[in-house]
């Protein structure tokens, strides 16, 4: 099993009084980023897309089991040893079939 990292976002509201506008409260939203271990098992690499010149990550279509919830098809960028990843998309077999059908309609 390979362990990576995932970002979790919490939103915190901060209030400030604006000195120029007679006690009007200005609310700002800040994102607090916390890192959490991500458990996944890379079951199989189905396809590797060509790596763009100078890129660190290569996009791949894989079968991955995220958090022990069962295998799903996954498209995202990976470094060469699969220890770092980019944002991507995971989908069931039915969702992948729909994507393929939609792609055929758009392309052909």
Protein backbone atom coordinates (compact mmCIF):
# COMPACT_ATOMS: atom_id res chain seq x y z
CA UNK A 1 0.00 0.00 0.00
CA UNK A 2 1.30 3.48 -0.90
CA UNK A 3 0.70 6.45 1.37
CA UNK A 4 0.42 9.98 -0.03
CA UNK A 5 -1.04 13.29 1.22
CA UNK A 6 -4.36 15.02 0.72
CA UNK A 7 -5.45 18.54 1.55
CA UNK A 8 -8.47 19.22 3.71
CA UNK A 9 -9.97 22.71 3.76
CA UNK A 10 -11.69 24.30 6.72
CA UNK A 11 -13.16 27.77 6.43
CA UNK A 12 -12.82 30.19 9.32
CA UNK A 13 -14.59 33.52 9.45
CA UNK A 14 -12.62 36.54 10.71
CA UNK A 15 -14.28 39.86 11.43
CA UNK A 16 -12.63 43.25 11.31
CA UNK A 17 -13.94 46.69 11.98
CA UNK A 18 -13.30 49.11 9.18
CA UNK A 19 -12.00 52.39 10.63
CA UNK A 20 -13.31 54.48 7.74
CA UNK A 21 -16.89 53.25 7.61
CA UNK A 22 -18.65 53.87 10.94
CA UNK A 23 -18.37 50.47 12.62
CA UNK A 24 -19.16 48.35 9.53
CA UNK A 25 -17.90 44.81 10.08
CA UNK A 26 -16.04 43.33 7.14
CA UNK A 27 -16.00 39.54 7.04
CA UNK A 28 -13.16 37.63 5.37
CA UNK A 29 -12.94 33.91 4.73
CA UNK A 30 -9.59 32.19 5.21
CA UNK A 31 -8.72 28.67 4.23
CA UNK A 32 -6.81 26.60 6.72
CA UNK A 33 -5.00 23.77 4.99
CA UNK A 34 -4.35 20.60 6.95
CA UNK A 35 -2.43 17.67 5.55
CA UNK A 36 -3.76 14.20 6.15
CA UNK A 37 -2.34 10.82 5.16
CA UNK A 38 -4.13 9.27 2.20
CA UNK A 39 -4.29 5.51 2.05
CA UNK A 40 -4.50 3.98 -1.38
CA UNK A 41 -3.47 0.86 -3.20
CA UNK A 42 -2.40 1.17 -6.82
CA UNK A 43 -3.81 -2.03 -8.29
CA UNK A 44 -2.93 -1.63 -11.97
CA UNK A 45 -1.73 1.01 -14.43
CA UNK A 46 -3.97 0.66 -17.50
CA UNK A 47 -2.55 3.44 -19.68
CA UNK A 48 0.24 6.01 -19.49
CA UNK A 49 -0.34 9.16 -21.49
CA UNK A 50 2.69 10.77 -23.14
CA UNK A 51 4.71 12.90 -20.74
CA UNK A 52 4.88 16.53 -21.77
CA UNK A 53 8.33 18.02 -22.21
CA UNK A 54 9.74 19.21 -18.89
CA UNK A 55 6.81 17.86 -16.88
CA UNK A 56 7.32 16.21 -13.50
CA UNK A 57 4.04 14.30 -13.58
CA UNK A 58 2.68 11.90 -16.20
CA UNK A 59 -1.07 11.43 -16.53
CA UNK A 60 -2.18 7.82 -16.08
CA UNK A 61 -5.36 5.80 -16.17
CA UNK A 62 -5.17 3.39 -13.22
CA UNK A 63 -7.27 1.17 -11.03
CA UNK A 64 -6.90 2.37 -7.44
CA UNK A 65 -8.47 1.39 -4.13
CA UNK A 66 -8.88 4.59 -2.07
CA UNK A 67 -9.22 4.12 1.71
CA UNK A 68 -10.21 0.45 1.30
CA UNK A 69 -13.54 1.38 -0.34
CA UNK A 70 -13.06 -0.82 -3.41
CA UNK A 71 -11.29 -0.31 -6.73
CA UNK A 72 -12.15 2.60 -9.01
CA UNK A 73 -10.81 3.91 -12.28
CA UNK A 74 -8.64 6.95 -11.74
CA UNK A 75 -7.08 9.57 -14.02
CA UNK A 76 -4.42 11.84 -12.51
CA UNK A 77 -0.80 12.85 -12.80
CA UNK A 78 1.84 10.76 -11.02
CA UNK A 79 5.57 11.13 -10.57
CA UNK A 80 7.74 8.25 -11.78
CA UNK A 81 7.71 6.24 -8.55
CA UNK A 82 4.03 6.91 -7.66
CA UNK A 83 4.83 8.72 -4.40
CA UNK A 84 3.38 12.10 -5.47
CA UNK A 85 0.20 12.90 -7.37
CA UNK A 86 -1.77 15.77 -8.82
CA UNK A 87 -5.48 16.39 -8.54
CA UNK A 88 -7.46 13.90 -10.55
CA UNK A 89 -10.78 12.14 -10.93
CA UNK A 90 -11.93 8.72 -9.77
CA UNK A 91 -14.94 6.98 -11.25
CA UNK A 92 -16.82 3.72 -11.26
CA UNK A 93 -16.88 1.43 -14.28
CA UNK A 94 -20.32 2.76 -15.23
CA UNK A 95 -19.08 6.37 -15.07
CA UNK A 96 -16.04 5.47 -17.18
CA UNK A 97 -18.30 3.86 -19.81
CA UNK A 98 -20.41 7.05 -19.90
CA UNK A 99 -17.25 9.14 -20.32
CA UNK A 100 -16.10 6.95 -23.23
CA UNK A 101 -19.52 7.18 -24.92
CA UNK A 102 -19.65 10.97 -24.47
CA UNK A 103 -16.09 11.29 -25.81
CA UNK A 104 -16.96 9.25 -28.92
CA UNK A 105 -19.94 11.52 -29.61
CA UNK A 106 -17.81 14.66 -29.23
CA UNK A 107 -14.85 13.38 -31.27
CA UNK A 108 -16.52 11.43 -34.07
